[in-house]
Amino acid sequence: MSNLAGKTLFITGASRGIGLAIALRAARDGANVVIAAKSGVPNPKLPGTIHTAAAEVEAAGGKALALQVDIREEAEVHAAVAQAVERFGGIDIVVNNASAIWLAGTEGTPMKRYDLMHQVNTRGTFMVTQACLPHLKKAGNPHVLMMAPPPNLDPKWFAPHTAYTIAKYGMSLCVLGMSAEFAPLGIAVNALWPRTVIATAAIAMIDGVKPEQCRRPEIVADAAHALLVQSARQCTGRFAIDEEVLREAGIHNFDAYAYQIGAPLLPDLFLN
């Protein structure tokens, strides 16, 4: 399979950032994209809503379904999956992109933030995948993709923000377990993580980071596309890095993804 034409993608957190970039890359192939996110109305601090994202998907050549979903709420997730299947006839690909971040130490992490990260990152990823599983079983080349890092037990990735690291690695552990669990079903489960910091709304959480030190979300979107067109039975259980995936696809110059060509780039968290 060389493209995603006619495939239906259920993408969480797709109203902006990396999720939206993945949606638009699939849309250029003529895919159906379910925009499952909380942003139903404009936020003065954050760009984009499910409706603006859907309009962009349609303009890019895809078909869109905008659904306001809080992936912490089981009823909302199951209702969204049912609407997606009713509209497009099934689900071929799940992209667990939605994630909450709070980069602070133990004393500086309110329990409401701890709960939010675990409910969205680990529990939300598990629940969305679980809800979509009956439909993935029926798909021709089913994939589940988590925006999660390779597991790394070096204490340096825990000490500055233990709560966030645990929650984010929860997504990684879903990949570890589900890829083995779903392999007999022919359902691929992989993780994808950027080599460098990506310029999204999340960089506001990192003190001193400027866009020129980052790459654009399109590098992750192109890497995601390269994974999602592969055979689900042959490409699973992988903790992929965007640069590595693109090099395998024959892309070796990443200047097009830079905000400022030649500027020093910041490596992303969790990568040595």
C-alpha atoms as a PDB file:
ATOM      1  CA  MET A   1       0.000   0.000   0.000  1.00  0.00           C
ATOM      2  CA  SER A   2       1.507   3.307  -1.076  1.00  0.00           C
ATOM      3  CA  ASN A   3      -1.148   5.701   0.206  1.00  0.00           C
ATOM      4  CA  LEU A   4      -4.133   6.032   2.522  1.00  0.00           C
ATOM      5  CA  ALA A   5      -6.816   6.669  -0.089  1.00  0.00           C
ATOM      6  CA  GLY A   6     -10.190   5.515   1.202  1.00  0.00           C
ATOM      7  CA  LYS A   7      -8.823   4.608   4.632  1.00  0.00           C
ATOM      8  CA  THR A   8     -10.558   5.902   7.761  1.00  0.00           C
ATOM      9  CA  LEU A   9      -8.346   7.379  10.463  1.00  0.00           C
ATOM     10  CA  PHE A  10      -9.587   8.073  14.000  1.00  0.00           C
ATOM     11  CA  ILE A  11      -7.176  10.699  15.367  1.00  0.00           C
ATOM     12  CA  THR A  12      -7.352  12.033  18.907  1.00  0.00           C
ATOM     13  CA  GLY A  13      -6.229  15.572  19.610  1.00  0.00           C
ATOM     14  CA  ALA A  14      -6.366  16.392  15.901  1.00  0.00           C
ATOM     15  CA  SER A  15      -7.600  19.967  16.125  1.00  0.00           C
ATOM     16  CA  ARG A  16      -4.048  21.350  16.040  1.00  0.00           C
ATOM     17  CA  GLY A  17      -0.358  20.512  16.104  1.00  0.00           C
ATOM     18  CA  ILE A  18       0.941  17.060  15.272  1.00  0.00           C
ATOM     19  CA  GLY A  19      -2.511  15.498  15.202  1.00  0.00           C
ATOM     20  CA  LEU A  20      -3.725  17.997  12.629  1.00  0.00           C
ATOM     21  CA  ALA A  21      -0.571  17.573  10.547  1.00  0.00           C
ATOM     22  CA  ILE A  22      -1.125  13.796  10.434  1.00  0.00           C
ATOM     23  CA  ALA A  23      -4.747  14.385   9.467  1.00  0.00           C
ATOM     24  CA  LEU A  24      -3.784  16.700   6.617  1.00  0.00           C
ATOM     25  CA  ARG A  25      -1.144  14.299   5.295  1.00  0.00           C
ATOM     26  CA  ALA A  26      -3.735  11.532   5.157  1.00  0.00           C
ATOM     27  CA  ALA A  27      -6.262  13.899   3.599  1.00  0.00           C
ATOM     28  CA  ARG A  28      -3.924  14.563   0.677  1.00  0.00           C
ATOM     29  CA  ASP A  29      -4.229  10.860  -0.135  1.00  0.00           C
ATOM     30  CA  GLY A  30      -8.012  11.078  -0.074  1.00  0.00           C
ATOM     31  CA  ALA A  31      -8.500   9.507   3.360  1.00  0.00           C
ATOM     32  CA  ASN A  32     -11.452   9.833   5.713  1.00  0.00           C
ATOM     33  CA  VAL A  33     -10.406  11.537   8.922  1.00  0.00           C
ATOM     34  CA  VAL A  34     -12.238  11.604  12.242  1.00  0.00           C
ATOM     35  CA  ILE A  35     -11.150  14.694  14.174  1.00  0.00           C
ATOM     36  CA  ALA A  36     -11.712  13.596  17.781  1.00  0.00           C
ATOM     37  CA  ALA A  37     -10.761  16.395  20.163  1.00  0.00           C
ATOM     38  CA  LYS A  38     -12.077  18.616  22.942  1.00  0.00           C
ATOM     39  CA  SER A  39     -11.743  21.913  21.086  1.00  0.00           C
ATOM     40  CA  GLY A  40     -15.288  22.583  19.934  1.00  0.00           C
ATOM     41  CA  VAL A  41     -15.105  26.357  20.324  1.00  0.00           C
ATOM     42  CA  PRO A  42     -12.212  28.785  19.746  1.00  0.00           C
ATOM     43  CA  ASN A  43      -9.721  29.265  22.561  1.00  0.00           C
ATOM     44  CA  PRO A  44      -7.937  32.642  22.636  1.00  0.00           C
ATOM     45  CA  LYS A  45      -4.761  30.934  23.880  1.00  0.00           C
ATOM     46  CA  LEU A  46      -4.732  28.028  21.421  1.00  0.00           C
ATOM     47  CA  PRO A  47      -5.315  27.992  17.657  1.00  0.00           C
ATOM     48  CA  GLY A  48      -7.796  25.695  15.954  1.00  0.00           C
ATOM     49  CA  THR A  49     -10.954  23.755  16.709  1.00  0.00           C
ATOM     50  CA  ILE A  50     -12.372  20.466  15.485  1.00  0.00           C
ATOM     51  CA  HIS A  51     -14.353  22.472  12.938  1.00  0.00           C
ATOM     52  CA  THR A  52     -11.404  24.420  11.509  1.00  0.00           C
ATOM     53  CA  ALA A  53      -9.408  21.188  11.380  1.00  0.00           C
ATOM     54  CA  ALA A  54     -12.224  19.437   9.511  1.00  0.00           C
ATOM     55  CA  ALA A  55     -12.382  22.304   7.016  1.00  0.00           C
ATOM     56  CA  GLU A  56      -8.646  21.995   6.408  1.00  0.00           C
ATOM     57  CA  VAL A  57      -8.960  18.239   5.894  1.00  0.00           C
ATOM     58  CA  GLU A  58     -11.711  18.740   3.323  1.00  0.00           C
ATOM     59  CA  ALA A  59      -9.688  21.430   1.558  1.00  0.00           C
ATOM     60  CA  ALA A  60      -6.708  19.071   1.394  1.00  0.00           C
ATOM     61  CA  GLY A  61      -8.744  16.431  -0.413  1.00  0.00           C
ATOM     62  CA  GLY A  62     -10.030  14.226   2.381  1.00  0.00           C
ATOM     63  CA  LYS A  63     -13.388  13.662   4.029  1.00  0.00           C
ATOM     64  CA  ALA A  64     -13.762  14.826   7.609  1.00  0.00           C
ATOM     65  CA  LEU A  65     -15.951  14.154  10.614  1.00  0.00           C
ATOM     66  CA  ALA A  66     -15.521  16.626  13.471  1.00  0.00           C
ATOM     67  CA  LEU A  67     -16.420  15.127  16.848  1.00  0.00           C
ATOM     68  CA  GLN A  68     -16.045  16.893  20.178  1.00  0.00           C
ATOM     69  CA  VAL A  69     -14.689  14.179  22.444  1.00  0.00           C
ATOM     70  CA  ASP A  70     -13.118  14.148  25.892  1.00  0.00           C
ATOM     71  CA  ILE A  71     -11.172  10.892  25.814  1.00  0.00           C
ATOM     72  CA  ARG A  72     -11.401  10.699  29.604  1.00  0.00           C
ATOM     73  CA  GLU A  73     -15.123   9.990  29.224  1.00  0.00           C
ATOM     74  CA  GLU A  74     -15.936   6.420  28.228  1.00  0.00           C
ATOM     75  CA  ALA A  75     -19.415   7.208  26.924  1.00  0.00           C
ATOM     76  CA  GLU A  76     -18.075   9.984  24.693  1.00  0.00           C
ATOM     77  CA  VAL A  77     -15.377   7.740  23.251  1.00  0.00           C
ATOM     78  CA  HIS A  78     -17.806   4.939  22.408  1.00  0.00           C
ATOM     79  CA  ALA A  79     -20.298   7.399  20.937  1.00  0.00           C
ATOM     80  CA  ALA A  80     -17.572   8.917  18.756  1.00  0.00           C
ATOM     81  CA  VAL A  81     -16.445   5.515  17.509  1.00  0.00           C
ATOM     82  CA  ALA A  82     -20.048   4.602  16.676  1.00  0.00           C
ATOM     83  CA  GLN A  83     -20.520   7.862  14.742  1.00  0.00           C
ATOM     84  CA  ALA A  84     -17.271   7.298  12.848  1.00  0.00           C
ATOM     85  CA  VAL A  85     -18.334   3.810  11.813  1.00  0.00           C
ATOM     86  CA  GLU A  86     -21.806   5.011  10.853  1.00  0.00           C
ATOM     87  CA  ARG A  87     -20.341   7.762   8.681  1.00  0.00           C
ATOM     88  CA  PHE A  88     -17.436   5.936   7.035  1.00  0.00           C
ATOM     89  CA  GLY A  89     -18.304   2.261   7.424  1.00  0.00           C
ATOM     90  CA  GLY A  90     -15.403   1.282   9.647  1.00  0.00           C
ATOM     91  CA  ILE A  91     -12.078   2.317  11.169  1.00  0.00           C
ATOM     92  CA  ASP A  92      -8.744   1.341   9.611  1.00  0.00           C
ATOM     93  CA  ILE A  93      -6.278   3.378  11.637  1.00  0.00           C
ATOM     94  CA  VAL A  94      -6.205   4.794  15.164  1.00  0.00           C
ATOM     95  CA  VAL A  95      -3.748   7.554  16.015  1.00  0.00           C
ATOM     96  CA  ASN A  96      -3.484   8.136  19.759  1.00  0.00           C
ATOM     97  CA  ASN A  97      -2.082  11.630  19.636  1.00  0.00           C
ATOM     98  CA  ALA A  98      -3.957  13.384  22.464  1.00  0.00           C
ATOM     99  CA  SER A  99      -1.691  13.981  25.430  1.00  0.00           C
ATOM    100  CA  ALA A 100      -1.458  16.198  28.506  1.00  0.00           C
ATOM    101  CA  ILE A 101       1.823  17.615  29.747  1.00  0.00           C
ATOM    102  CA  TRP A 102       3.017  19.201  32.995  1.00  0.00           C
ATOM    103  CA  LEU A 103       6.779  19.492  33.329  1.00  0.00           C
ATOM    104  CA  ALA A 104       7.288  19.930  37.055  1.00  0.00           C
ATOM    105  CA  GLY A 105       8.724  18.015  39.955  1.00  0.00           C
ATOM    106  CA  THR A 106       6.803  16.208  42.643  1.00  0.00           C
ATOM    107  CA  GLU A 107       6.104  19.216  44.855  1.00  0.00           C
ATOM    108  CA  GLY A 108       5.137  21.330  41.872  1.00  0.00           C
ATOM    109  CA  THR A 109       2.596  18.879  40.439  1.00  0.00           C
ATOM    110  CA  PRO A 110      -0.969  19.373  41.733  1.00  0.00           C
ATOM    111  CA  MET A 111      -2.904  16.125  41.892  1.00  0.00           C
ATOM    112  CA  LYS A 112      -5.421  17.462  39.380  1.00  0.00           C
ATOM    113  CA  ARG A 113      -2.548  17.718  36.891  1.00  0.00           C
ATOM    114  CA  TYR A 114      -1.316  14.261  37.789  1.00  0.00           C
ATOM    115  CA  ASP A 115      -4.807  12.861  37.279  1.00  0.00           C
ATOM    116  CA  LEU A 116      -5.287  14.726  33.987  1.00  0.00           C
ATOM    117  CA  MET A 117      -2.068  13.358  32.497  1.00  0.00           C
ATOM    118  CA  HIS A 118      -2.812   9.791  33.498  1.00  0.00           C
ATOM    119  CA  GLN A 119      -6.444   9.962  32.418  1.00  0.00           C
ATOM    120  CA  VAL A 120      -5.585  11.407  28.996  1.00  0.00           C
ATOM    121  CA  ASN A 121      -2.234   9.813  28.205  1.00  0.00           C
ATOM    122  CA  THR A 122      -2.410   6.273  29.528  1.00  0.00           C
ATOM    123  CA  ARG A 123      -6.088   5.640  30.205  1.00  0.00           C
ATOM    124  CA  GLY A 124      -7.308   7.578  27.177  1.00  0.00           C
ATOM    125  CA  THR A 125      -4.925   5.767  24.849  1.00  0.00           C
ATOM    126  CA  PHE A 126      -5.995   2.398  26.235  1.00  0.00           C
ATOM    127  CA  MET A 127      -9.703   3.215  26.081  1.00  0.00           C
ATOM    128  CA  VAL A 128      -9.718   4.639  22.540  1.00  0.00           C
ATOM    129  CA  THR A 129      -7.803   1.632  21.256  1.00  0.00           C
ATOM    130  CA  GLN A 130     -10.117  -0.738  23.083  1.00  0.00           C
ATOM    131  CA  ALA A 131     -13.216   0.982  21.686  1.00  0.00           C
ATOM    132  CA  CYS A 132     -11.885   0.844  18.116  1.00  0.00           C
ATOM    133  CA  LEU A 133     -10.605  -2.727  18.345  1.00  0.00           C
ATOM    134  CA  PRO A 134     -13.754  -4.504  17.048  1.00  0.00           C
ATOM    135  CA  HIS A 135     -13.567  -2.363  13.899  1.00  0.00           C
ATOM    136  CA  LEU A 136      -9.817  -2.706  13.463  1.00  0.00           C
ATOM    137  CA  LYS A 137     -10.303  -6.472  13.417  1.00  0.00           C
ATOM    138  CA  LYS A 138     -12.395  -6.052  10.265  1.00  0.00           C
ATOM    139  CA  ALA A 139      -9.998  -3.651   8.501  1.00  0.00           C
ATOM    140  CA  GLY A 140      -7.756  -4.605   5.610  1.00  0.00           C
ATOM    141  CA  ASN A 141      -4.469  -3.235   6.942  1.00  0.00           C
ATOM    142  CA  PRO A 142      -5.193  -2.014  10.481  1.00  0.00           C
ATOM    143  CA  HIS A 143      -2.767   0.175  12.390  1.00  0.00           C
ATOM    144  CA  VAL A 144      -2.652   1.754  15.834  1.00  0.00           C
ATOM    145  CA  LEU A 145      -0.074   4.502  16.267  1.00  0.00           C
ATOM    146  CA  MET A 146       0.844   6.104  19.600  1.00  0.00           C
ATOM    147  CA  MET A 147       2.676   9.409  19.851  1.00  0.00           C
ATOM    148  CA  ALA A 148       4.944   8.006  22.546  1.00  0.00           C
ATOM    149  CA  PRO A 149       8.682   7.684  23.237  1.00  0.00           C
ATOM    150  CA  PRO A 150      10.827   4.587  23.472  1.00  0.00           C
ATOM    151  CA  PRO A 151      10.793   3.365  27.099  1.00  0.00           C
ATOM    152  CA  ASN A 152      13.944   4.536  28.842  1.00  0.00           C
ATOM    153  CA  LEU A 153      14.475   3.847  32.549  1.00  0.00           C
ATOM    154  CA  ASP A 154      17.366   6.286  32.947  1.00  0.00           C
ATOM    155  CA  PRO A 155      16.467   8.267  36.102  1.00  0.00           C
ATOM    156  CA  LYS A 156      17.354  11.527  34.344  1.00  0.00           C
ATOM    157  CA  TRP A 157      14.067  11.277  32.420  1.00  0.00           C
ATOM    158  CA  PHE A 158      12.079  10.885  35.642  1.00  0.00           C
ATOM    159  CA  ALA A 159      13.709  13.225  38.142  1.00  0.00           C
ATOM    160  CA  PRO A 160      12.600  16.573  36.642  1.00  0.00           C
ATOM    161  CA  HIS A 161       8.973  15.515  35.963  1.00  0.00           C
ATOM    162  CA  THR A 162       8.166  12.115  37.428  1.00  0.00           C
ATOM    163  CA  ALA A 163       4.398  12.402  36.967  1.00  0.00           C
ATOM    164  CA  TYR A 164       4.596  13.319  33.273  1.00  0.00           C
ATOM    165  CA  THR A 165       7.177  10.640  32.525  1.00  0.00           C
ATOM    166  CA  ILE A 166       5.078   7.924  34.143  1.00  0.00           C
ATOM    167  CA  ALA A 167       1.994   9.045  32.225  1.00  0.00           C
ATOM    168  CA  LYS A 168       3.806   9.297  28.897  1.00  0.00           C
ATOM    169  CA  TYR A 169       5.523   5.955  29.331  1.00  0.00           C
ATOM    170  CA  GLY A 170       2.076   4.519  30.003  1.00  0.00           C
ATOM    171  CA  MET A 171       1.397   5.112  26.313  1.00  0.00           C
ATOM    172  CA  SER A 172       4.681   3.413  25.455  1.00  0.00           C
ATOM    173  CA  LEU A 173       3.791   0.392  27.545  1.00  0.00           C
ATOM    174  CA  CYS A 174       0.479   0.146  25.704  1.00  0.00           C
ATOM    175  CA  VAL A 175       2.531  -0.286  22.534  1.00  0.00           C
ATOM    176  CA  LEU A 176       4.696  -2.925  24.174  1.00  0.00           C
ATOM    177  CA  GLY A 177       1.732  -4.982  25.315  1.00  0.00           C
ATOM    178  CA  MET A 178      -0.797  -4.395  22.565  1.00  0.00           C
ATOM    179  CA  SER A 179       1.639  -5.038  19.722  1.00  0.00           C
ATOM    180  CA  ALA A 180       2.211  -8.541  21.060  1.00  0.00           C
ATOM    181  CA  GLU A 181      -1.440  -9.041  21.968  1.00  0.00           C
ATOM    182  CA  PHE A 182      -2.769  -7.935  18.571  1.00  0.00           C
ATOM    183  CA  ALA A 183      -0.082  -9.550  16.390  1.00  0.00           C
ATOM    184  CA  PRO A 184      -2.155 -12.720  15.827  1.00  0.00           C
ATOM    185  CA  LEU A 185      -4.986 -10.456  14.642  1.00  0.00           C
ATOM    186  CA  GLY A 186      -2.775  -8.730  12.078  1.00  0.00           C
ATOM    187  CA  ILE A 187      -3.187  -5.340  13.775  1.00  0.00           C
ATOM    188  CA  ALA A 188      -0.026  -3.242  13.907  1.00  0.00           C
ATOM    189  CA  VAL A 189       0.722  -1.218  17.032  1.00  0.00           C
ATOM    190  CA  ASN A 190       3.658   1.174  16.873  1.00  0.00           C
ATOM    191  CA  ALA A 191       5.001   4.277  18.587  1.00  0.00           C
ATOM    192  CA  LEU A 192       6.412   7.377  16.931  1.00  0.00           C
ATOM    193  CA  TRP A 193       8.479  10.114  18.576  1.00  0.00           C
ATOM    194  CA  PRO A 194      10.322  13.142  17.178  1.00  0.00           C
ATOM    195  CA  ARG A 195      14.094  13.417  17.332  1.00  0.00           C
ATOM    196  CA  THR A 196      13.791  17.158  18.031  1.00  0.00           C
ATOM    197  CA  VAL A 197      11.284  19.324  19.824  1.00  0.00           C
ATOM    198  CA  ILE A 198       8.314  20.110  17.576  1.00  0.00           C
ATOM    199  CA  ALA A 199       6.823  23.599  17.500  1.00  0.00           C
ATOM    200  CA  THR A 200       3.322  23.049  18.897  1.00  0.00           C
ATOM    201  CA  ALA A 201       1.315  24.609  21.698  1.00  0.00           C
ATOM    202  CA  ALA A 202       3.100  22.236  24.098  1.00  0.00           C
ATOM    203  CA  ILE A 203       6.415  24.074  23.748  1.00  0.00           C
ATOM    204  CA  ALA A 204       4.909  26.827  25.906  1.00  0.00           C
ATOM    205  CA  MET A 205       5.436  24.336  28.759  1.00  0.00           C
ATOM    206  CA  ILE A 206       9.182  24.352  28.206  1.00  0.00           C
ATOM    207  CA  ASP A 207      10.935  27.443  29.517  1.00  0.00           C
ATOM    208  CA  GLY A 208      13.070  29.299  27.000  1.00  0.00           C
ATOM    209  CA  VAL A 209      12.203  27.219  23.937  1.00  0.00           C
ATOM    210  CA  LYS A 210      11.730  29.224  20.748  1.00  0.00           C
ATOM    211  CA  PRO A 211      10.185  28.036  17.475  1.00  0.00           C
ATOM    212  CA  GLU A 212      13.461  28.469  15.590  1.00  0.00           C
ATOM    213  CA  GLN A 213      14.924  25.728  17.825  1.00  0.00           C
ATOM    214  CA  CYS A 214      12.205  23.329  16.705  1.00  0.00           C
ATOM    215  CA  ARG A 215      10.943  21.533  13.651  1.00  0.00           C
ATOM    216  CA  ARG A 216       7.470  21.743  12.163  1.00  0.00           C
ATOM    217  CA  PRO A 217       4.813  19.090  12.884  1.00  0.00           C
ATOM    218  CA  GLU A 218       4.944  17.990   9.244  1.00  0.00           C
ATOM    219  CA  ILE A 219       8.090  15.935   9.894  1.00  0.00           C
ATOM    220  CA  VAL A 220       6.150  13.742  12.319  1.00  0.00           C
ATOM    221  CA  ALA A 221       3.186  13.607   9.937  1.00  0.00           C
ATOM    222  CA  ASP A 222       5.335  12.400   7.048  1.00  0.00           C
ATOM    223  CA  ALA A 223       6.961   9.784   9.273  1.00  0.00           C
ATOM    224  CA  ALA A 224       3.549   8.644  10.513  1.00  0.00           C
ATOM    225  CA  HIS A 225       2.357   8.298   6.921  1.00  0.00           C
ATOM    226  CA  ALA A 226       5.417   6.218   6.059  1.00  0.00           C
ATOM    227  CA  LEU A 227       4.584   3.826   8.905  1.00  0.00           C
ATOM    228  CA  LEU A 228       0.844   3.650   8.275  1.00  0.00           C
ATOM    229  CA  VAL A 229       1.191   2.576   4.649  1.00  0.00           C
ATOM    230  CA  GLN A 230       3.329  -0.409   5.606  1.00  0.00           C
ATOM    231  CA  SER A 231       2.027  -3.942   6.028  1.00  0.00           C
ATOM    232  CA  ALA A 232       0.441  -4.251   9.462  1.00  0.00           C
ATOM    233  CA  ARG A 233       1.674  -7.827   9.807  1.00  0.00           C
ATOM    234  CA  GLN A 234       5.269  -6.880   9.036  1.00  0.00           C
ATOM    235  CA  CYS A 235       5.560  -3.521  10.812  1.00  0.00           C
ATOM    236  CA  THR A 236       4.515  -3.739  14.449  1.00  0.00           C
ATOM    237  CA  GLY A 237       5.967  -3.329  17.925  1.00  0.00           C
ATOM    238  CA  ARG A 238       8.288  -0.585  16.798  1.00  0.00           C
ATOM    239  CA  PHE A 239       9.363   2.475  18.784  1.00  0.00           C
ATOM    240  CA  ALA A 240      10.169   4.637  15.792  1.00  0.00           C
ATOM    241  CA  ILE A 241      11.914   8.002  15.595  1.00  0.00           C
ATOM    242  CA  ASP A 242      10.749  10.397  12.864  1.00  0.00           C
ATOM    243  CA  GLU A 243      14.192  10.919  11.306  1.00  0.00           C
ATOM    244  CA  GLU A 244      14.895   7.189  11.139  1.00  0.00           C
ATOM    245  CA  VAL A 245      11.576   6.445   9.465  1.00  0.00           C
ATOM    246  CA  LEU A 246      12.098   9.160   6.865  1.00  0.00           C
ATOM    247  CA  ARG A 247      15.641   8.009   6.107  1.00  0.00           C
ATOM    248  CA  GLU A 248      14.253   4.535   5.466  1.00  0.00           C
ATOM    249  CA  ALA A 249      11.822   6.173   3.047  1.00  0.00           C
ATOM    250  CA  GLY A 250      14.696   7.856   1.200  1.00  0.00           C
ATOM    251  CA  ILE A 251      14.495  11.319   2.781  1.00  0.00           C
ATOM    252  CA  HIS A 252      17.815  12.520   4.170  1.00  0.00           C
ATOM    253  CA  ASN A 253      17.521  16.313   4.066  1.00  0.00           C
ATOM    254  CA  PHE A 254      15.253  17.684   6.774  1.00  0.00           C
ATOM    255  CA  ASP A 255      15.704  21.407   6.072  1.00  0.00           C
ATOM    256  CA  ALA A 256      12.144  21.689   4.773  1.00  0.00           C
ATOM    257  CA  TYR A 257      10.869  20.890   8.262  1.00  0.00           C
ATOM    258  CA  ALA A 258      12.924  23.550  10.034  1.00  0.00           C
ATOM    259  CA  TYR A 259      11.521  26.856  11.191  1.00  0.00           C
ATOM    260  CA  GLN A 260      14.925  28.392  10.628  1.00  0.00           C
ATOM    261  CA  ILE A 261      17.343  26.472   8.440  1.00  0.00           C
ATOM    262  CA  GLY A 262      20.713  26.120  10.122  1.00  0.00           C
ATOM    263  CA  ALA A 263      19.543  27.051  13.601  1.00  0.00           C
ATOM    264  CA  PRO A 264      20.589  24.639  16.372  1.00  0.00           C
ATOM    265  CA  LEU A 265      17.770  22.215  17.172  1.00  0.00           C
ATOM    266  CA  LEU A 266      16.748  21.024  20.617  1.00  0.00           C
ATOM    267  CA  PRO A 267      16.587  17.254  21.090  1.00  0.00           C
ATOM    268  CA  ASP A 268      13.267  16.007  22.378  1.00  0.00           C
ATOM    269  CA  LEU A 269      12.741  14.445  25.791  1.00  0.00           C
ATOM    270  CA  PHE A 270      13.489  10.767  26.490  1.00  0.00           C
ATOM    271  CA  LEU A 271      16.128  10.362  23.777  1.00  0.00           C
ATOM    272  CA  ASN A 272      19.805   9.877  24.645  1.00  0.00           C
END
